């Protein structure tokens, strides 16, 4: 007897690496960084201002053993159609530069 195959996205995407792998398959290949000048795309050696950025989705991850081990993954598209991701801690461990940049981004959507 063959067991049924379940396609439960919540189970498949419960780790940051699983989500990143799925996003890469969907074309979100850039590994963005936030620096003083803005959102940096290493592949294009270009900086983006908050007005040039849209967050199409985001995922939060909580560490099983350490409450300080919390992360957020942003899925990003830029005004010139570059797609990628940006990882940050959240809560007390959040990177202040990333937090300040993201606070200025108006296009944040959660699917």
PDB file of N, CA and C in Angstrom:
ATOM      1  N   UNK A   1       0.838  -1.174   0.000  1.00  0.00           N
ATOM      2  CA  UNK A   1       0.000   0.000   0.000  1.00  0.00           C
ATOM      3  C   UNK A   1       0.889   1.245   0.000  1.00  0.00           C
ATOM      4  N   UNK A   2       0.591   2.165  -0.903  1.00  0.00           N
ATOM      5  CA  UNK A   2       1.373   3.396  -1.018  1.00  0.00           C
ATOM      6  C   UNK A   2       0.816   4.460  -0.071  1.00  0.00           C
ATOM      7  N   UNK A   3       1.722   5.105   0.670  1.00  0.00           N
ATOM      8  CA  UNK A   3       1.300   6.152   1.583  1.00  0.00           C
ATOM      9  C   UNK A   3       1.010   7.440   0.825  1.00  0.00           C
ATOM     10  N   UNK A   4       0.031   8.214   1.278  1.00  0.00           N
ATOM     11  CA  UNK A   4      -0.277   9.481   0.603  1.00  0.00           C
ATOM     12  C   UNK A   4       0.880  10.462   0.771  1.00  0.00           C
ATOM     13  N   UNK A   5       1.088  11.274  -0.241  1.00  0.00           N
ATOM     14  CA  UNK A   5       2.124  12.299  -0.209  1.00  0.00           C
ATOM     15  C   UNK A   5       1.490  13.622   0.188  1.00  0.00           C
ATOM     16  N   UNK A   6       1.997  14.229   1.222  1.00  0.00           N
ATOM     17  CA  UNK A   6       1.478  15.505   1.684  1.00  0.00           C
ATOM     18  C   UNK A   6       2.403  16.610   1.218  1.00  0.00           C
ATOM     19  N   UNK A   7       1.823  17.693   0.769  1.00  0.00           N
ATOM     20  CA  UNK A   7       2.600  18.853   0.343  1.00  0.00           C
ATOM     21  C   UNK A   7       2.237  20.016   1.262  1.00  0.00           C
ATOM     22  N   UNK A   8       2.671  19.926   2.478  1.00  0.00           N
ATOM     23  CA  UNK A   8       2.369  20.949   3.473  1.00  0.00           C
ATOM     24  C   UNK A   8       3.520  21.944   3.520  1.00  0.00           C
ATOM     25  N   UNK A   9       3.316  23.137   2.950  1.00  0.00           N
ATOM     26  CA  UNK A   9       4.367  24.143   2.874  1.00  0.00           C
ATOM     27  C   UNK A   9       4.857  24.546   4.254  1.00  0.00           C
ATOM     28  N   UNK A  10       3.993  24.543   5.251  1.00  0.00           N
ATOM     29  CA  UNK A  10       4.425  24.920   6.602  1.00  0.00           C
ATOM     30  C   UNK A  10       5.478  23.951   7.119  1.00  0.00           C
ATOM     31  N   UNK A  11       5.323  22.657   6.830  1.00  0.00           N
ATOM     32  CA  UNK A  11       6.302  21.670   7.268  1.00  0.00           C
ATOM     33  C   UNK A  11       7.577  21.788   6.448  1.00  0.00           C
ATOM     34  N   UNK A  12       7.438  21.973   5.142  1.00  0.00           N
ATOM     35  CA  UNK A  12       8.595  22.067   4.258  1.00  0.00           C
ATOM     36  C   UNK A  12       9.441  23.298   4.539  1.00  0.00           C
ATOM     37  N   UNK A  13       8.840  24.356   5.026  1.00  0.00           N
ATOM     38  CA  UNK A  13       9.535  25.629   5.139  1.00  0.00           C
ATOM     39  C   UNK A  13       9.678  26.068   6.593  1.00  0.00           C
ATOM     40  N   UNK A  14      10.110  25.143   7.442  1.00  0.00           N
ATOM     41  CA  UNK A  14      10.248  25.494   8.847  1.00  0.00           C
ATOM     42  C   UNK A  14      11.685  25.822   9.234  1.00  0.00           C
ATOM     43  N   UNK A  15      12.603  25.801   8.291  1.00  0.00           N
ATOM     44  CA  UNK A  15      13.971  26.232   8.568  1.00  0.00           C
ATOM     45  C   UNK A  15      14.353  27.323   7.571  1.00  0.00           C
ATOM     46  N   UNK A  16      15.277  28.172   7.982  1.00  0.00           N
ATOM     47  CA  UNK A  16      15.695  29.253   7.092  1.00  0.00           C
ATOM     48  C   UNK A  16      16.337  28.706   5.823  1.00  0.00           C
ATOM     49  N   UNK A  17      17.116  27.639   5.935  1.00  0.00           N
ATOM     50  CA  UNK A  17      17.754  27.091   4.737  1.00  0.00           C
ATOM     51  C   UNK A  17      16.725  26.528   3.756  1.00  0.00           C
ATOM     52  N   UNK A  18      15.655  25.929   4.254  1.00  0.00           N
ATOM     53  CA  UNK A  18      14.598  25.414   3.376  1.00  0.00           C
ATOM     54  C   UNK A  18      13.904  26.550   2.636  1.00  0.00           C
ATOM     55  N   UNK A  19      13.631  27.638   3.346  1.00  0.00           N
ATOM     56  CA  UNK A  19      12.967  28.783   2.718  1.00  0.00           C
ATOM     57  C   UNK A  19      13.901  29.436   1.688  1.00  0.00           C
ATOM     58  N   UNK A  20      15.159  29.618   2.050  1.00  0.00           N
ATOM     59  CA  UNK A  20      16.110  30.217   1.112  1.00  0.00           C
ATOM     60  C   UNK A  20      16.222  29.361  -0.144  1.00  0.00           C
ATOM     61  N   UNK A  21      16.324  28.049   0.014  1.00  0.00           N
ATOM     62  CA  UNK A  21      16.404  27.169  -1.151  1.00  0.00           C
ATOM     63  C   UNK A  21      15.174  27.292  -2.040  1.00  0.00           C
ATOM     64  N   UNK A  22      14.001  27.387  -1.429  1.00  0.00           N
ATOM     65  CA  UNK A  22      12.765  27.539  -2.205  1.00  0.00           C
ATOM     66  C   UNK A  22      12.747  28.883  -2.930  1.00  0.00           C
ATOM     67  N   UNK A  23      13.202  29.940  -2.267  1.00  0.00           N
ATOM     68  CA  UNK A  23      13.230  31.267  -2.895  1.00  0.00           C
ATOM     69  C   UNK A  23      14.228  31.306  -4.052  1.00  0.00           C
ATOM     70  N   UNK A  24      15.372  30.658  -3.894  1.00  0.00           N
ATOM     71  CA  UNK A  24      16.360  30.597  -4.983  1.00  0.00           C
ATOM     72  C   UNK A  24      15.737  29.918  -6.202  1.00  0.00           C
ATOM     73  N   UNK A  25      15.000  28.843  -5.984  1.00  0.00           N
ATOM     74  CA  UNK A  25      14.326  28.154  -7.093  1.00  0.00           C
ATOM     75  C   UNK A  25      13.304  29.054  -7.780  1.00  0.00           C
ATOM     76  N   UNK A  26      12.770  30.030  -7.049  1.00  0.00           N
ATOM     77  CA  UNK A  26      11.801  30.972  -7.613  1.00  0.00           C
ATOM     78  C   UNK A  26      12.477  32.201  -8.216  1.00  0.00           C
ATOM     79  N   UNK A  27      13.818  32.209  -8.216  1.00  0.00           N
ATOM     80  CA  UNK A  27      14.540  33.310  -8.857  1.00  0.00           C
ATOM     81  C   UNK A  27      15.061  34.379  -7.921  1.00  0.00           C
ATOM     82  N   UNK A  28      14.912  34.208  -6.616  1.00  0.00           N
ATOM     83  CA  UNK A  28      15.401  35.180  -5.632  1.00  0.00           C
ATOM     84  C   UNK A  28      16.825  34.796  -5.242  1.00  0.00           C
ATOM     85  N   UNK A  29      17.764  35.131  -6.107  1.00  0.00           N
ATOM     86  CA  UNK A  29      19.130  34.633  -5.970  1.00  0.00           C
ATOM     87  C   UNK A  29      20.113  35.614  -5.331  1.00  0.00           C
ATOM     88  N   UNK A  30      19.784  36.887  -5.304  1.00  0.00           N
ATOM     89  CA  UNK A  30      20.704  37.878  -4.736  1.00  0.00           C
ATOM     90  C   UNK A  30      20.724  37.761  -3.208  1.00  0.00           C
ATOM     91  N   UNK A  31      21.908  37.849  -2.631  1.00  0.00           N
ATOM     92  CA  UNK A  31      22.060  37.873  -1.167  1.00  0.00           C
ATOM     93  C   UNK A  31      22.330  39.316  -0.766  1.00  0.00           C
ATOM     94  N   UNK A  32      21.254  40.041  -0.512  1.00  0.00           N
ATOM     95  CA  UNK A  32      21.364  41.458  -0.186  1.00  0.00           C
ATOM     96  C   UNK A  32      22.033  41.668   1.161  1.00  0.00           C
ATOM     97  N   UNK A  33      22.623  42.853   1.321  1.00  0.00           N
ATOM     98  CA  UNK A  33      23.185  43.321   2.583  1.00  0.00           C
ATOM     99  C   UNK A  33      22.705  44.751   2.779  1.00  0.00           C
ATOM    100  N   UNK A  34      22.618  45.186   4.018  1.00  0.00           N
ATOM    101  CA  UNK A  34      22.296  46.587   4.274  1.00  0.00           C
ATOM    102  C   UNK A  34      23.545  47.239   4.847  1.00  0.00           C
ATOM    103  N   UNK A  35      23.930  48.341   4.219  1.00  0.00           N
ATOM    104  CA  UNK A  35      25.080  49.115   4.661  1.00  0.00           C
ATOM    105  C   UNK A  35      24.632  50.561   4.835  1.00  0.00           C
ATOM    106  N   UNK A  36      25.520  51.411   5.252  1.00  0.00           N
ATOM    107  CA  UNK A  36      25.159  52.825   5.464  1.00  0.00           C
ATOM    108  C   UNK A  36      24.544  53.466   4.232  1.00  0.00           C
ATOM    109  N   UNK A  37      25.026  53.099   3.056  1.00  0.00           N
ATOM    110  CA  UNK A  37      24.539  53.704   1.810  1.00  0.00           C
ATOM    111  C   UNK A  37      23.196  53.145   1.356  1.00  0.00           C
ATOM    112  N   UNK A  38      22.745  52.038   1.944  1.00  0.00           N
ATOM    113  CA  UNK A  38      21.469  51.451   1.552  1.00  0.00           C
ATOM    114  C   UNK A  38      21.555  49.948   1.398  1.00  0.00           C
ATOM    115  N   UNK A  39      20.564  49.396   0.704  1.00  0.00           N
ATOM    116  CA  UNK A  39      20.524  47.965   0.431  1.00  0.00           C
ATOM    117  C   UNK A  39      21.540  47.672  -0.670  1.00  0.00           C
ATOM    118  N   UNK A  40      22.477  46.790  -0.387  1.00  0.00           N
ATOM    119  CA  UNK A  40      23.563  46.525  -1.316  1.00  0.00           C
ATOM    120  C   UNK A  40      23.351  45.193  -2.019  1.00  0.00           C
ATOM    121  N   UNK A  41      23.486  45.216  -3.353  1.00  0.00           N
ATOM    122  CA  UNK A  41      23.408  44.016  -4.179  1.00  0.00           C
ATOM    123  C   UNK A  41      24.814  43.697  -4.684  1.00  0.00           C
ATOM    124  N   UNK A  42      25.500  42.732  -4.087  1.00  0.00           N
ATOM    125  CA  UNK A  42      26.872  42.433  -4.486  1.00  0.00           C
ATOM    126  C   UNK A  42      27.034  42.058  -5.959  1.00  0.00           C
ATOM    127  N   UNK A  43      26.064  41.347  -6.528  1.00  0.00           N
ATOM    128  CA  UNK A  43      26.211  40.913  -7.926  1.00  0.00           C
ATOM    129  C   UNK A  43      26.221  42.084  -8.904  1.00  0.00           C
ATOM    130  N   UNK A  44      25.571  43.164  -8.533  1.00  0.00           N
ATOM    131  CA  UNK A  44      25.520  44.353  -9.400  1.00  0.00           C
ATOM    132  C   UNK A  44      26.374  45.504  -8.870  1.00  0.00           C
ATOM    133  N   UNK A  45      26.934  45.286  -7.680  1.00  0.00           N
ATOM    134  CA  UNK A  45      27.706  46.337  -7.020  1.00  0.00           C
ATOM    135  C   UNK A  45      26.920  47.643  -7.003  1.00  0.00           C
ATOM    136  N   UNK A  46      25.664  47.529  -6.555  1.00  0.00           N
ATOM    137  CA  UNK A  46      24.751  48.666  -6.565  1.00  0.00           C
ATOM    138  C   UNK A  46      24.030  48.783  -5.230  1.00  0.00           C
ATOM    139  N   UNK A  47      23.748  50.027  -4.863  1.00  0.00           N
ATOM    140  CA  UNK A  47      22.976  50.322  -3.657  1.00  0.00           C
ATOM    141  C   UNK A  47      21.566  50.760  -4.047  1.00  0.00           C
ATOM    142  N   UNK A  48      20.603  50.393  -3.210  1.00  0.00           N
ATOM    143  CA  UNK A  48      19.203  50.774  -3.416  1.00  0.00           C
ATOM    144  C   UNK A  48      18.711  51.552  -2.204  1.00  0.00           C
ATOM    145  N   UNK A  49      17.924  52.570  -2.480  1.00  0.00           N
ATOM    146  CA  UNK A  49      17.268  53.327  -1.426  1.00  0.00           C
ATOM    147  C   UNK A  49      15.971  52.613  -1.046  1.00  0.00           C
ATOM    148  N   UNK A  50      15.429  52.911   0.140  1.00  0.00           N
ATOM    149  CA  UNK A  50      14.178  52.256   0.552  1.00  0.00           C
ATOM    150  C   UNK A  50      13.051  52.399  -0.473  1.00  0.00           C
ATOM    151  N   UNK A  51      12.986  53.536  -1.175  1.00  0.00           N
ATOM    152  CA  UNK A  51      11.914  53.741  -2.158  1.00  0.00           C
ATOM    153  C   UNK A  51      12.046  52.805  -3.364  1.00  0.00           C
ATOM    154  N   UNK A  52      13.212  52.196  -3.546  1.00  0.00           N
ATOM    155  CA  UNK A  52      13.466  51.294  -4.668  1.00  0.00           C
ATOM    156  C   UNK A  52      13.304  49.826  -4.295  1.00  0.00           C
ATOM    157  N   UNK A  53      12.782  49.572  -3.104  1.00  0.00           N
ATOM    158  CA  UNK A  53      12.720  48.218  -2.565  1.00  0.00           C
ATOM    159  C   UNK A  53      11.287  47.850  -2.210  1.00  0.00           C
ATOM    160  N   UNK A  54      10.940  46.604  -2.516  1.00  0.00           N
ATOM    161  CA  UNK A  54       9.638  46.066  -2.127  1.00  0.00           C
ATOM    162  C   UNK A  54       9.867  44.723  -1.454  1.00  0.00           C
ATOM    163  N   UNK A  55       9.304  44.560  -0.279  1.00  0.00           N
ATOM    164  CA  UNK A  55       9.376  43.286   0.439  1.00  0.00           C
ATOM    165  C   UNK A  55       8.152  42.482   0.025  1.00  0.00           C
ATOM    166  N   UNK A  56       8.361  41.400  -0.719  1.00  0.00           N
ATOM    167  CA  UNK A  56       7.226  40.623  -1.208  1.00  0.00           C
ATOM    168  C   UNK A  56       6.753  39.577  -0.204  1.00  0.00           C
ATOM    169  N   UNK A  57       7.613  39.247   0.747  1.00  0.00           N
ATOM    170  CA  UNK A  57       7.232  38.310   1.800  1.00  0.00           C
ATOM    171  C   UNK A  57       8.325  38.322   2.866  1.00  0.00           C
ATOM    172  N   UNK A  58       8.019  37.786   4.011  1.00  0.00           N
ATOM    173  CA  UNK A  58       9.029  37.627   5.045  1.00  0.00           C
ATOM    174  C   UNK A  58       8.664  36.430   5.912  1.00  0.00           C
ATOM    175  N   UNK A  59       9.683  35.834   6.515  1.00  0.00           N
ATOM    176  CA  UNK A  59       9.516  34.641   7.331  1.00  0.00           C
ATOM    177  C   UNK A  59      10.280  34.844   8.639  1.00  0.00           C
ATOM    178  N   UNK A  60       9.669  34.450   9.735  1.00  0.00           N
ATOM    179  CA  UNK A  60      10.332  34.533  11.036  1.00  0.00           C
ATOM    180  C   UNK A  60      10.652  33.126  11.519  1.00  0.00           C
ATOM    181  N   UNK A  61      11.816  33.014  12.134  1.00  0.00           N
ATOM    182  CA  UNK A  61      12.273  31.728  12.657  1.00  0.00           C
ATOM    183  C   UNK A  61      12.669  31.916  14.112  1.00  0.00           C
ATOM    184  N   UNK A  62      12.283  30.967  14.945  1.00  0.00           N
ATOM    185  CA  UNK A  62      12.620  31.034  16.359  1.00  0.00           C
ATOM    186  C   UNK A  62      13.464  29.820  16.717  1.00  0.00           C
ATOM    187  N   UNK A  63      14.537  30.079  17.453  1.00  0.00           N
ATOM    188  CA  UNK A  63      15.404  28.992  17.892  1.00  0.00           C
ATOM    189  C   UNK A  63      14.709  28.115  18.915  1.00  0.00           C
ATOM    190  N   UNK A  64      14.922  26.809  18.814  1.00  0.00           N
ATOM    191  CA  UNK A  64      14.288  25.872  19.746  1.00  0.00           C
ATOM    192  C   UNK A  64      14.854  25.968  21.153  1.00  0.00           C
ATOM    193  N   UNK A  65      16.163  26.153  21.253  1.00  0.00           N
ATOM    194  CA  UNK A  65      16.779  26.106  22.566  1.00  0.00           C
ATOM    195  C   UNK A  65      17.155  27.472  23.128  1.00  0.00           C
ATOM    196  N   UNK A  66      17.236  28.473  22.277  1.00  0.00           N
ATOM    197  CA  UNK A  66      17.685  29.789  22.726  1.00  0.00           C
ATOM    198  C   UNK A  66      16.738  30.860  22.208  1.00  0.00           C
ATOM    199  N   UNK A  67      15.986  31.526  23.083  1.00  0.00           N
ATOM    200  CA  UNK A  67      15.051  32.556  22.639  1.00  0.00           C
ATOM    201  C   UNK A  67      15.738  33.711  21.913  1.00  0.00           C
ATOM    202  N   UNK A  68      17.032  33.891  22.133  1.00  0.00           N
ATOM    203  CA  UNK A  68      17.764  34.962  21.447  1.00  0.00           C
ATOM    204  C   UNK A  68      18.119  34.558  20.017  1.00  0.00           C
ATOM    205  N   UNK A  69      17.862  33.304  19.670  1.00  0.00           N
ATOM    206  CA  UNK A  69      18.204  32.792  18.341  1.00  0.00           C
ATOM    207  C   UNK A  69      17.013  32.962  17.393  1.00  0.00           C
ATOM    208  N   UNK A  70      16.587  34.204  17.206  1.00  0.00           N
ATOM    209  CA  UNK A  70      15.460  34.523  16.345  1.00  0.00           C
ATOM    210  C   UNK A  70      15.969  35.204  15.081  1.00  0.00           C
ATOM    211  N   UNK A  71      15.361  34.862  13.949  1.00  0.00           N
ATOM    212  CA  UNK A  71      15.790  35.457  12.685  1.00  0.00           C
ATOM    213  C   UNK A  71      14.576  35.790  11.838  1.00  0.00           C
ATOM    214  N   UNK A  72      14.788  36.716  10.924  1.00  0.00           N
ATOM    215  CA  UNK A  72      13.768  37.066   9.946  1.00  0.00           C
ATOM    216  C   UNK A  72      14.420  37.089   8.575  1.00  0.00           C
ATOM    217  N   UNK A  73      13.743  36.495   7.609  1.00  0.00           N
ATOM    218  CA  UNK A  73      14.213  36.459   6.231  1.00  0.00           C
ATOM    219  C   UNK A  73      13.266  37.307   5.397  1.00  0.00           C
ATOM    220  N   UNK A  74      13.805  38.327   4.754  1.00  0.00           N
ATOM    221  CA  UNK A  74      13.024  39.179   3.863  1.00  0.00           C
ATOM    222  C   UNK A  74      13.207  38.698   2.436  1.00  0.00           C
ATOM    223  N   UNK A  75      12.118  38.600   1.688  1.00  0.00           N
ATOM    224  CA  UNK A  75      12.155  38.272   0.262  1.00  0.00           C
ATOM    225  C   UNK A  75      11.927  39.593  -0.463  1.00  0.00           C
ATOM    226  N   UNK A  76      12.909  39.991  -1.278  1.00  0.00           N
ATOM    227  CA  UNK A  76      12.980  41.358  -1.793  1.00  0.00           C
ATOM    228  C   UNK A  76      12.985  41.404  -3.310  1.00  0.00           C
ATOM    229  N   UNK A  77      12.307  42.427  -3.850  1.00  0.00           N
ATOM    230  CA  UNK A  77      12.402  42.793  -5.271  1.00  0.00           C
ATOM    231  C   UNK A  77      12.744  44.270  -5.332  1.00  0.00           C
ATOM    232  N   UNK A  78      13.620  44.632  -6.270  1.00  0.00           N
ATOM    233  CA  UNK A  78      14.011  46.032  -6.421  1.00  0.00           C
ATOM    234  C   UNK A  78      13.320  46.649  -7.631  1.00  0.00           C
ATOM    235  N   UNK A  79      13.437  47.958  -7.740  1.00  0.00           N
ATOM    236  CA  UNK A  79      12.781  48.695  -8.822  1.00  0.00           C
ATOM    237  C   UNK A  79      13.295  48.294 -10.208  1.00  0.00           C
ATOM    238  N   UNK A  80      14.489  47.701 -10.285  1.00  0.00           N
ATOM    239  CA  UNK A  80      14.998  47.235 -11.579  1.00  0.00           C
ATOM    240  C   UNK A  80      14.923  45.704 -11.692  1.00  0.00           C
ATOM    241  N   UNK A  81      13.982  45.115 -10.945  1.00  0.00           N
ATOM    242  CA  UNK A  81      13.622  43.699 -11.026  1.00  0.00           C
ATOM    243  C   UNK A  81      14.673  42.712 -10.517  1.00  0.00           C
ATOM    244  N   UNK A  82      15.573  43.153  -9.676  1.00  0.00           N
ATOM    245  CA  UNK A  82      16.499  42.229  -9.034  1.00  0.00           C
ATOM    246  C   UNK A  82      15.763  41.564  -7.868  1.00  0.00           C
ATOM    247  N   UNK A  83      15.929  40.247  -7.742  1.00  0.00           N
ATOM    248  CA  UNK A  83      15.234  39.489  -6.704  1.00  0.00           C
ATOM    249  C   UNK A  83      16.246  38.804  -5.798  1.00  0.00           C
ATOM    250  N   UNK A  84      15.971  38.868  -4.494  1.00  0.00           N
ATOM    251  CA  UNK A  84      16.867  38.210  -3.558  1.00  0.00           C
ATOM    252  C   UNK A  84      16.317  38.190  -2.157  1.00  0.00           C
ATOM    253  N   UNK A  85      17.187  37.863  -1.220  1.00  0.00           N
ATOM    254  CA  UNK A  85      16.790  37.744   0.172  1.00  0.00           C
ATOM    255  C   UNK A  85      17.761  38.507   1.074  1.00  0.00           C
ATOM    256  N   UNK A  86      17.283  38.789   2.267  1.00  0.00           N
ATOM    257  CA  UNK A  86      18.086  39.446   3.292  1.00  0.00           C
ATOM    258  C   UNK A  86      17.720  38.826   4.630  1.00  0.00           C
ATOM    259  N   UNK A  87      18.721  38.359   5.358  1.00  0.00           N
ATOM    260  CA  UNK A  87      18.499  37.730   6.653  1.00  0.00           C
ATOM    261  C   UNK A  87      18.941  38.675   7.762  1.00  0.00           C
ATOM    262  N   UNK A  88      18.157  38.707   8.837  1.00  0.00           N
ATOM    263  CA  UNK A  88      18.508  39.509  10.013  1.00  0.00           C
ATOM    264  C   UNK A  88      18.008  38.792  11.259  1.00  0.00           C
ATOM    265  N   UNK A  89      18.595  39.132  12.373  1.00  0.00           N
ATOM    266  CA  UNK A  89      18.054  38.707  13.660  1.00  0.00           C
ATOM    267  C   UNK A  89      16.882  39.634  13.966  1.00  0.00           C
ATOM    268  N   UNK A  90      16.032  39.239  14.864  1.00  0.00           N
ATOM    269  CA  UNK A  90      15.012  40.189  15.304  1.00  0.00           C
ATOM    270  C   UNK A  90      14.913  40.143  16.806  1.00  0.00           C
ATOM    271  N   UNK A  91      14.298  41.178  17.334  1.00  0.00           N
ATOM    272  CA  UNK A  91      14.265  41.344  18.777  1.00  0.00           C
ATOM    273  C   UNK A  91      15.501  42.099  19.221  1.00  0.00           C
ATOM    274  N   UNK A  92      15.992  41.774  20.386  1.00  0.00           N
ATOM    275  CA  UNK A  92      17.139  42.481  20.957  1.00  0.00           C
ATOM    276  C   UNK A  92      18.409  42.300  20.135  1.00  0.00           C
ATOM    277  N   UNK A  93      18.495  41.226  19.372  1.00  0.00           N
ATOM    278  CA  UNK A  93      19.703  40.927  18.599  1.00  0.00           C
ATOM    279  C   UNK A  93      19.683  41.515  17.194  1.00  0.00           C
ATOM    280  N   UNK A  94      18.641  42.230  16.826  1.00  0.00           N
ATOM    281  CA  UNK A  94      18.506  42.759  15.460  1.00  0.00           C
ATOM    282  C   UNK A  94      19.630  43.735  15.128  1.00  0.00           C
ATOM    283  N   UNK A  95      20.031  43.716  13.864  1.00  0.00           N
ATOM    284  CA  UNK A  95      21.034  44.653  13.361  1.00  0.00           C
ATOM    285  C   UNK A  95      20.352  46.002  13.188  1.00  0.00           C
ATOM    286  N   UNK A  96      20.830  46.983  13.886  1.00  0.00           N
ATOM    287  CA  UNK A  96      20.182  48.305  13.879  1.00  0.00           C
ATOM    288  C   UNK A  96      20.150  48.937  12.490  1.00  0.00           C
ATOM    289  N   UNK A  97      21.197  48.738  11.714  1.00  0.00           N
ATOM    290  CA  UNK A  97      21.252  49.303  10.358  1.00  0.00           C
ATOM    291  C   UNK A  97      20.151  48.704   9.483  1.00  0.00           C
ATOM    292  N   UNK A  98      19.968  47.396   9.579  1.00  0.00           N
ATOM    293  CA  UNK A  98      18.917  46.727   8.800  1.00  0.00           C
ATOM    294  C   UNK A  98      17.546  47.195   9.275  1.00  0.00           C
ATOM    295  N   UNK A  99      17.340  47.238  10.580  1.00  0.00           N
ATOM    296  CA  UNK A  99      16.052  47.663  11.133  1.00  0.00           C
ATOM    297  C   UNK A  99      15.685  49.068  10.671  1.00  0.00           C
ATOM    298  N   UNK A 100      16.633  49.984  10.729  1.00  0.00           N
ATOM    299  CA  UNK A 100      16.368  51.358  10.306  1.00  0.00           C
ATOM    300  C   UNK A 100      16.039  51.424   8.815  1.00  0.00           C
ATOM    301  N   UNK A 101      16.745  50.650   8.004  1.00  0.00           N
ATOM    302  CA  UNK A 101      16.457  50.633   6.570  1.00  0.00           C
ATOM    303  C   UNK A 101      15.061  50.078   6.318  1.00  0.00           C
ATOM    304  N   UNK A 102      14.747  48.945   6.921  1.00  0.00           N
ATOM    305  CA  UNK A 102      13.450  48.298   6.699  1.00  0.00           C
ATOM    306  C   UNK A 102      12.288  49.158   7.184  1.00  0.00           C
ATOM    307  N   UNK A 103      12.513  49.941   8.218  1.00  0.00           N
ATOM    308  CA  UNK A 103      11.466  50.845   8.696  1.00  0.00           C
ATOM    309  C   UNK A 103      11.096  51.892   7.646  1.00  0.00           C
ATOM    310  N   UNK A 104      11.999  52.162   6.723  1.00  0.00           N
ATOM    311  CA  UNK A 104      11.759  53.159   5.682  1.00  0.00           C
ATOM    312  C   UNK A 104      11.130  52.572   4.420  1.00  0.00           C
ATOM    313  N   UNK A 105      11.148  51.251   4.301  1.00  0.00           N
ATOM    314  CA  UNK A 105      10.580  50.584   3.129  1.00  0.00           C
ATOM    315  C   UNK A 105       9.059  50.582   3.260  1.00  0.00           C
ATOM    316  N   UNK A 106       8.397  51.149   2.277  1.00  0.00           N
ATOM    317  CA  UNK A 106       6.929  51.214   2.332  1.00  0.00           C
ATOM    318  C   UNK A 106       6.259  49.970   1.795  1.00  0.00           C
ATOM    319  N   UNK A 107       6.861  49.320   0.830  1.00  0.00           N
ATOM    320  CA  UNK A 107       6.230  48.159   0.195  1.00  0.00           C
ATOM    321  C   UNK A 107       6.541  46.871   0.902  1.00  0.00           C
ATOM    322  N   UNK A 108       5.890  46.605   2.028  1.00  0.00           N
ATOM    323  CA  UNK A 108       6.076  45.346   2.743  1.00  0.00           C
ATOM    324  C   UNK A 108       4.771  44.576   2.693  1.00  0.00           C
ATOM    325  N   UNK A 109       4.847  43.363   2.165  1.00  0.00           N
ATOM    326  CA  UNK A 109       3.657  42.527   2.001  1.00  0.00           C
ATOM    327  C   UNK A 109       3.942  41.151   2.566  1.00  0.00           C
ATOM    328  N   UNK A 110       2.967  40.560   3.209  1.00  0.00           N
ATOM    329  CA  UNK A 110       3.081  39.208   3.718  1.00  0.00           C
ATOM    330  C   UNK A 110       2.077  38.348   2.987  1.00  0.00           C
ATOM    331  N   UNK A 111       2.581  37.299   2.347  1.00  0.00           N
ATOM    332  CA  UNK A 111       1.686  36.386   1.630  1.00  0.00           C
ATOM    333  C   UNK A 111       1.189  35.302   2.556  1.00  0.00           C
TER     334      UNK A 111
END
